[in-house]
């Protein structure tokens, strides 16, 4: 893709690192490399946090739905984003914006009513790749908070509690989506065929509870 095509706020995929998920360009620096114009880009990925890439080397792919064509990107504001938008910083506004509210929120790509139910279901199921244990907990916290090191702000116990509440909300949201899609079993099965094992288990549990 042309170097000039990238801009701040774009959603991209690293073709050589698809497991990183869809990232958001947060900063761009124009540079000259071997006599050619290039871009150094900072991208926040959902599973690995912020990565610095050279556009010419990474060859990132722009992604997004038709709704994104107008520049409306389905990006979840993180604690870092919220803090940057407020005078006095995050601690000064803790009474108005509790950290647990941001840490348990679901990303817009899973909840946006302007997306099809099938797309929302796929995006929701993909979130089950995060568990509440080990490295996966930290990867979830990086994606959720926007912090390179969530343990610099929260204790592991706090992160575990945040994740439990987030997972509860995620299960509830999945249940509502499955209810909306009860007449679309083929779409549900297609989404499940590409979903993490934890997502498949969650769907089975919800379906069993409903009889």
C-alpha atoms as a PDB file:
ATOM      1  CA  UNK A   1       0.000   0.000   0.000  1.00  0.00           C
ATOM      2  CA  UNK A   2       1.253   3.560  -0.630  1.00  0.00           C
ATOM      3  CA  UNK A   3       3.075   5.069   2.330  1.00  0.00           C
ATOM      4  CA  UNK A   4       0.883   8.180   2.242  1.00  0.00           C
ATOM      5  CA  UNK A   5      -2.263   6.047   2.661  1.00  0.00           C
ATOM      6  CA  UNK A   6      -1.824   5.638   6.421  1.00  0.00           C
ATOM      7  CA  UNK A   7      -3.124   8.192   8.876  1.00  0.00           C
ATOM      8  CA  UNK A   8      -3.693   8.393  12.605  1.00  0.00           C
ATOM      9  CA  UNK A   9      -6.809   6.473  13.622  1.00  0.00           C
ATOM     10  CA  UNK A  10      -6.602   3.918  10.813  1.00  0.00           C
ATOM     11  CA  UNK A  11      -7.299   0.308  11.701  1.00  0.00           C
ATOM     12  CA  UNK A  12      -4.684  -2.053  10.316  1.00  0.00           C
ATOM     13  CA  UNK A  13      -3.634  -5.683  10.328  1.00  0.00           C
ATOM     14  CA  UNK A  14       0.003  -6.801  10.270  1.00  0.00           C
ATOM     15  CA  UNK A  15       0.016  -9.434   7.503  1.00  0.00           C
ATOM     16  CA  UNK A  16       2.938 -11.304   9.098  1.00  0.00           C
ATOM     17  CA  UNK A  17       1.439 -11.182  12.608  1.00  0.00           C
ATOM     18  CA  UNK A  18      -2.306 -11.882  12.210  1.00  0.00           C
ATOM     19  CA  UNK A  19      -2.433 -13.179  15.791  1.00  0.00           C
ATOM     20  CA  UNK A  20      -1.917  -9.592  16.984  1.00  0.00           C
ATOM     21  CA  UNK A  21      -5.425  -8.753  15.799  1.00  0.00           C
ATOM     22  CA  UNK A  22      -6.612  -5.453  14.361  1.00  0.00           C
ATOM     23  CA  UNK A  23      -4.583  -2.494  15.623  1.00  0.00           C
ATOM     24  CA  UNK A  24      -5.171   1.246  15.642  1.00  0.00           C
ATOM     25  CA  UNK A  25      -2.562   3.725  14.398  1.00  0.00           C
ATOM     26  CA  UNK A  26      -1.914   6.110  17.289  1.00  0.00           C
ATOM     27  CA  UNK A  27       1.081   8.064  15.951  1.00  0.00           C
ATOM     28  CA  UNK A  28       2.929   8.547  12.664  1.00  0.00           C
ATOM     29  CA  UNK A  29       6.417   9.917  11.978  1.00  0.00           C
ATOM     30  CA  UNK A  30       7.620  10.662   8.454  1.00  0.00           C
ATOM     31  CA  UNK A  31      11.205   9.507   7.930  1.00  0.00           C
ATOM     32  CA  UNK A  32      13.711   8.973   5.129  1.00  0.00           C
ATOM     33  CA  UNK A  33      15.105   5.462   4.818  1.00  0.00           C
ATOM     34  CA  UNK A  34      17.701   4.478   2.244  1.00  0.00           C
ATOM     35  CA  UNK A  35      16.853   7.562   0.230  1.00  0.00           C
ATOM     36  CA  UNK A  36      13.126   6.758   0.187  1.00  0.00           C
ATOM     37  CA  UNK A  37      10.221   8.292   2.102  1.00  0.00           C
ATOM     38  CA  UNK A  38       8.843   6.021   4.803  1.00  0.00           C
ATOM     39  CA  UNK A  39       6.653   6.124   7.897  1.00  0.00           C
ATOM     40  CA  UNK A  40       7.408   4.986  11.402  1.00  0.00           C
ATOM     41  CA  UNK A  41       4.039   4.108  12.891  1.00  0.00           C
ATOM     42  CA  UNK A  42       2.915   3.344  16.414  1.00  0.00           C
ATOM     43  CA  UNK A  43       0.046   0.859  16.496  1.00  0.00           C
ATOM     44  CA  UNK A  44      -1.976  -0.347  19.486  1.00  0.00           C
ATOM     45  CA  UNK A  45      -2.869  -4.021  19.005  1.00  0.00           C
ATOM     46  CA  UNK A  46      -5.497  -5.745  21.196  1.00  0.00           C
ATOM     47  CA  UNK A  47      -3.276  -8.643  22.266  1.00  0.00           C
ATOM     48  CA  UNK A  48       0.265  -7.224  22.411  1.00  0.00           C
ATOM     49  CA  UNK A  49      -0.145  -3.531  23.169  1.00  0.00           C
ATOM     50  CA  UNK A  50       1.707  -0.786  21.292  1.00  0.00           C
ATOM     51  CA  UNK A  51       4.144  -1.792  18.570  1.00  0.00           C
ATOM     52  CA  UNK A  52       6.404   0.468  16.476  1.00  0.00           C
ATOM     53  CA  UNK A  53       6.544  -0.513  12.808  1.00  0.00           C
ATOM     54  CA  UNK A  54       8.114   0.699   9.590  1.00  0.00           C
ATOM     55  CA  UNK A  55       5.338   0.965   7.029  1.00  0.00           C
ATOM     56  CA  UNK A  56       7.572  -0.172   4.153  1.00  0.00           C
ATOM     57  CA  UNK A  57       8.667  -3.305   6.032  1.00  0.00           C
ATOM     58  CA  UNK A  58       5.440  -4.296   7.789  1.00  0.00           C
ATOM     59  CA  UNK A  59       3.232  -3.449   4.766  1.00  0.00           C
ATOM     60  CA  UNK A  60       0.172  -3.084   7.031  1.00  0.00           C
ATOM     61  CA  UNK A  61      -3.263  -3.786   5.587  1.00  0.00           C
ATOM     62  CA  UNK A  62      -6.087  -1.313   6.122  1.00  0.00           C
ATOM     63  CA  UNK A  63      -9.229  -3.001   7.451  1.00  0.00           C
ATOM     64  CA  UNK A  64     -12.760  -1.960   8.382  1.00  0.00           C
ATOM     65  CA  UNK A  65     -16.447  -2.332   7.583  1.00  0.00           C
ATOM     66  CA  UNK A  66     -18.415  -0.253   5.132  1.00  0.00           C
ATOM     67  CA  UNK A  67     -19.366   1.922   8.084  1.00  0.00           C
ATOM     68  CA  UNK A  68     -15.688   2.653   8.572  1.00  0.00           C
ATOM     69  CA  UNK A  69     -15.346   4.146   5.116  1.00  0.00           C
ATOM     70  CA  UNK A  70     -16.596   7.472   6.437  1.00  0.00           C
ATOM     71  CA  UNK A  71     -13.909   7.448   9.117  1.00  0.00           C
ATOM     72  CA  UNK A  72     -16.054   6.006  11.909  1.00  0.00           C
ATOM     73  CA  UNK A  73     -13.737   3.443  13.463  1.00  0.00           C
ATOM     74  CA  UNK A  74     -14.980   1.026  16.077  1.00  0.00           C
ATOM     75  CA  UNK A  75     -12.278   1.745  18.651  1.00  0.00           C
ATOM     76  CA  UNK A  76     -12.739   1.326  22.366  1.00  0.00           C
ATOM     77  CA  UNK A  77     -11.460   4.270  24.443  1.00  0.00           C
ATOM     78  CA  UNK A  78      -8.951   2.949  26.970  1.00  0.00           C
ATOM     79  CA  UNK A  79      -7.933   4.351  30.342  1.00  0.00           C
ATOM     80  CA  UNK A  80      -5.001   6.060  28.632  1.00  0.00           C
ATOM     81  CA  UNK A  81      -7.327   7.690  26.094  1.00  0.00           C
ATOM     82  CA  UNK A  82      -9.771   8.824  28.768  1.00  0.00           C
ATOM     83  CA  UNK A  83      -7.004  10.239  30.929  1.00  0.00           C
ATOM     84  CA  UNK A  84      -5.594  12.220  28.023  1.00  0.00           C
ATOM     85  CA  UNK A  85      -8.977  13.833  27.376  1.00  0.00           C
ATOM     86  CA  UNK A  86      -9.500  15.150  30.889  1.00  0.00           C
ATOM     87  CA  UNK A  87      -7.920  18.056  32.698  1.00  0.00           C
ATOM     88  CA  UNK A  88      -6.448  17.045  35.998  1.00  0.00           C
ATOM     89  CA  UNK A  89      -5.674  13.515  34.880  1.00  0.00           C
ATOM     90  CA  UNK A  90      -7.268  10.220  35.691  1.00  0.00           C
ATOM     91  CA  UNK A  91      -6.774  10.362  39.457  1.00  0.00           C
ATOM     92  CA  UNK A  92      -8.423  13.778  39.654  1.00  0.00           C
ATOM     93  CA  UNK A  93     -11.536  12.384  37.964  1.00  0.00           C
ATOM     94  CA  UNK A  94     -11.679   8.996  39.635  1.00  0.00           C
ATOM     95  CA  UNK A  95     -15.042   9.782  41.243  1.00  0.00           C
ATOM     96  CA  UNK A  96     -16.579  10.476  37.829  1.00  0.00           C
ATOM     97  CA  UNK A  97     -14.824   7.785  35.828  1.00  0.00           C
ATOM     98  CA  UNK A  98     -13.989   4.767  37.936  1.00  0.00           C
ATOM     99  CA  UNK A  99     -11.251   2.563  36.487  1.00  0.00           C
ATOM    100  CA  UNK A 100     -13.448  -0.529  36.799  1.00  0.00           C
ATOM    101  CA  UNK A 101     -15.947   1.083  34.408  1.00  0.00           C
ATOM    102  CA  UNK A 102     -13.312   1.312  31.684  1.00  0.00           C
ATOM    103  CA  UNK A 103     -11.794  -2.060  32.500  1.00  0.00           C
ATOM    104  CA  UNK A 104     -15.076  -3.942  32.246  1.00  0.00           C
ATOM    105  CA  UNK A 105     -16.431  -2.161  29.138  1.00  0.00           C
ATOM    106  CA  UNK A 106     -16.868  -4.164  25.941  1.00  0.00           C
ATOM    107  CA  UNK A 107     -15.355  -2.816  22.705  1.00  0.00           C
ATOM    108  CA  UNK A 108     -17.724  -1.082  20.255  1.00  0.00           C
ATOM    109  CA  UNK A 109     -16.940  -3.633  17.556  1.00  0.00           C
ATOM    110  CA  UNK A 110     -18.842  -6.163  19.695  1.00  0.00           C
ATOM    111  CA  UNK A 111     -21.764  -3.909  20.585  1.00  0.00           C
ATOM    112  CA  UNK A 112     -22.209  -1.398  17.742  1.00  0.00           C
ATOM    113  CA  UNK A 113     -25.844  -1.689  16.535  1.00  0.00           C
ATOM    114  CA  UNK A 114     -24.782  -0.423  13.097  1.00  0.00           C
ATOM    115  CA  UNK A 115     -22.824  -3.637  12.543  1.00  0.00           C
ATOM    116  CA  UNK A 116     -24.670  -6.772  11.465  1.00  0.00           C
ATOM    117  CA  UNK A 117     -25.529  -9.252  14.215  1.00  0.00           C
ATOM    118  CA  UNK A 118     -23.276 -11.782  12.505  1.00  0.00           C
ATOM    119  CA  UNK A 119     -20.294  -9.439  12.616  1.00  0.00           C
ATOM    120  CA  UNK A 120     -21.012  -8.487  16.227  1.00  0.00           C
ATOM    121  CA  UNK A 121     -21.215 -12.173  17.135  1.00  0.00           C
ATOM    122  CA  UNK A 122     -17.847 -12.926  15.499  1.00  0.00           C
ATOM    123  CA  UNK A 123     -16.232  -9.978  17.256  1.00  0.00           C
ATOM    124  CA  UNK A 124     -17.784 -10.994  20.578  1.00  0.00           C
ATOM    125  CA  UNK A 125     -16.652 -14.602  20.278  1.00  0.00           C
ATOM    126  CA  UNK A 126     -13.093 -13.479  19.484  1.00  0.00           C
ATOM    127  CA  UNK A 127     -12.890 -11.790  22.893  1.00  0.00           C
ATOM    128  CA  UNK A 128     -12.989 -15.195  24.589  1.00  0.00           C
ATOM    129  CA  UNK A 129      -9.349 -15.661  23.578  1.00  0.00           C
ATOM    130  CA  UNK A 130      -8.509 -13.768  26.776  1.00  0.00           C
ATOM    131  CA  UNK A 131      -8.541 -15.829  29.947  1.00  0.00           C
ATOM    132  CA  UNK A 132      -8.177 -14.526  33.472  1.00  0.00           C
ATOM    133  CA  UNK A 133      -4.920 -16.352  34.140  1.00  0.00           C
ATOM    134  CA  UNK A 134      -1.233 -16.027  33.428  1.00  0.00           C
ATOM    135  CA  UNK A 135       0.015 -14.116  30.422  1.00  0.00           C
ATOM    136  CA  UNK A 136      -3.445 -14.008  28.889  1.00  0.00           C
ATOM    137  CA  UNK A 137      -4.677 -11.865  31.786  1.00  0.00           C
ATOM    138  CA  UNK A 138      -1.902  -9.344  31.157  1.00  0.00           C
ATOM    139  CA  UNK A 139      -2.599  -9.334  27.406  1.00  0.00           C
ATOM    140  CA  UNK A 140      -6.264  -8.628  28.159  1.00  0.00           C
ATOM    141  CA  UNK A 141      -5.299  -5.828  30.538  1.00  0.00           C
ATOM    142  CA  UNK A 142      -3.004  -4.262  27.915  1.00  0.00           C
ATOM    143  CA  UNK A 143      -5.801  -4.299  25.351  1.00  0.00           C
ATOM    144  CA  UNK A 144      -8.388  -3.036  27.820  1.00  0.00           C
ATOM    145  CA  UNK A 145      -6.368  -0.291  29.500  1.00  0.00           C
ATOM    146  CA  UNK A 146      -4.017   0.868  26.739  1.00  0.00           C
ATOM    147  CA  UNK A 147      -1.151   0.624  29.235  1.00  0.00           C
ATOM    148  CA  UNK A 148       2.094  -1.014  28.141  1.00  0.00           C
ATOM    149  CA  UNK A 149       2.467  -2.356  31.688  1.00  0.00           C
ATOM    150  CA  UNK A 150      -0.911  -2.646  33.470  1.00  0.00           C
ATOM    151  CA  UNK A 151       0.854  -3.897  36.607  1.00  0.00           C
ATOM    152  CA  UNK A 152       2.354  -0.424  36.981  1.00  0.00           C
ATOM    153  CA  UNK A 153      -1.158   0.866  37.669  1.00  0.00           C
ATOM    154  CA  UNK A 154      -3.017  -2.125  39.101  1.00  0.00           C
ATOM    155  CA  UNK A 155      -2.168  -5.156  41.209  1.00  0.00           C
ATOM    156  CA  UNK A 156      -2.650  -8.615  39.724  1.00  0.00           C
ATOM    157  CA  UNK A 157      -5.543  -9.182  42.133  1.00  0.00           C
ATOM    158  CA  UNK A 158      -7.257  -6.028  40.838  1.00  0.00           C
ATOM    159  CA  UNK A 159      -6.783  -7.171  37.255  1.00  0.00           C
ATOM    160  CA  UNK A 160      -8.244 -10.573  38.101  1.00  0.00           C
ATOM    161  CA  UNK A 161     -11.309  -8.918  39.654  1.00  0.00           C
ATOM    162  CA  UNK A 162     -11.706  -6.558  36.677  1.00  0.00           C
ATOM    163  CA  UNK A 163     -11.509  -9.516  34.311  1.00  0.00           C
ATOM    164  CA  UNK A 164     -14.153 -11.474  36.236  1.00  0.00           C
ATOM    165  CA  UNK A 165     -16.600  -8.566  35.955  1.00  0.00           C
ATOM    166  CA  UNK A 166     -15.722  -8.058  32.283  1.00  0.00           C
ATOM    167  CA  UNK A 167     -16.261 -11.757  31.581  1.00  0.00           C
ATOM    168  CA  UNK A 168     -19.637 -11.642  33.333  1.00  0.00           C
ATOM    169  CA  UNK A 169     -20.686  -8.736  31.106  1.00  0.00           C
ATOM    170  CA  UNK A 170     -19.278 -10.525  28.057  1.00  0.00           C
ATOM    171  CA  UNK A 171     -21.342 -13.644  28.810  1.00  0.00           C
ATOM    172  CA  UNK A 172     -24.473 -11.532  29.270  1.00  0.00           C
ATOM    173  CA  UNK A 173     -23.848  -9.730  25.987  1.00  0.00           C
ATOM    174  CA  UNK A 174     -23.254 -13.031  24.181  1.00  0.00           C
ATOM    175  CA  UNK A 175     -26.531 -14.350  25.569  1.00  0.00           C
ATOM    176  CA  UNK A 176     -28.420 -11.365  24.191  1.00  0.00           C
ATOM    177  CA  UNK A 177     -26.773 -11.755  20.772  1.00  0.00           C
ATOM    178  CA  UNK A 178     -27.665 -15.448  20.618  1.00  0.00           C
ATOM    179  CA  UNK A 179     -31.244 -14.503  21.454  1.00  0.00           C
ATOM    180  CA  UNK A 180     -31.313 -12.046  18.563  1.00  0.00           C
ATOM    181  CA  UNK A 181     -29.897 -14.709  16.244  1.00  0.00           C
ATOM    182  CA  UNK A 182     -32.105 -17.642  17.216  1.00  0.00           C
ATOM    183  CA  UNK A 183     -33.487 -17.710  13.660  1.00  0.00           C
ATOM    184  CA  UNK A 184     -29.966 -17.676  12.165  1.00  0.00           C
ATOM    185  CA  UNK A 185     -28.479 -21.007  13.317  1.00  0.00           C
ATOM    186  CA  UNK A 186     -26.259 -21.329  10.244  1.00  0.00           C
ATOM    187  CA  UNK A 187     -24.681 -17.923  10.881  1.00  0.00           C
ATOM    188  CA  UNK A 188     -24.066 -18.871  14.506  1.00  0.00           C
ATOM    189  CA  UNK A 189     -22.475 -22.194  13.548  1.00  0.00           C
ATOM    190  CA  UNK A 190     -20.240 -20.509  10.981  1.00  0.00           C
ATOM    191  CA  UNK A 191     -19.028 -18.028  13.596  1.00  0.00           C
ATOM    192  CA  UNK A 192     -18.430 -20.826  16.114  1.00  0.00           C
ATOM    193  CA  UNK A 193     -16.289 -22.731  13.612  1.00  0.00           C
ATOM    194  CA  UNK A 194     -13.753 -19.904  13.785  1.00  0.00           C
ATOM    195  CA  UNK A 195     -14.145 -19.092  17.488  1.00  0.00           C
ATOM    196  CA  UNK A 196     -11.805 -19.886  20.421  1.00  0.00           C
ATOM    197  CA  UNK A 197     -12.627 -23.014  22.421  1.00  0.00           C
ATOM    198  CA  UNK A 198     -13.682 -20.892  25.411  1.00  0.00           C
ATOM    199  CA  UNK A 199     -16.271 -19.145  23.228  1.00  0.00           C
ATOM    200  CA  UNK A 200     -17.716 -22.460  22.055  1.00  0.00           C
ATOM    201  CA  UNK A 201     -18.015 -23.591  25.683  1.00  0.00           C
ATOM    202  CA  UNK A 202     -19.737 -20.327  26.629  1.00  0.00           C
ATOM    203  CA  UNK A 203     -22.301 -20.745  23.845  1.00  0.00           C
ATOM    204  CA  UNK A 204     -23.028 -24.341  24.870  1.00  0.00           C
ATOM    205  CA  UNK A 205     -23.472 -23.267  28.482  1.00  0.00           C
ATOM    206  CA  UNK A 206     -25.893 -20.499  27.528  1.00  0.00           C
ATOM    207  CA  UNK A 207     -27.886 -22.809  25.252  1.00  0.00           C
ATOM    208  CA  UNK A 208     -28.112 -25.460  27.990  1.00  0.00           C
ATOM    209  CA  UNK A 209     -29.381 -22.906  30.489  1.00  0.00           C
ATOM    210  CA  UNK A 210     -32.129 -21.954  28.035  1.00  0.00           C
ATOM    211  CA  UNK A 211     -33.065 -25.560  27.474  1.00  0.00           C
END
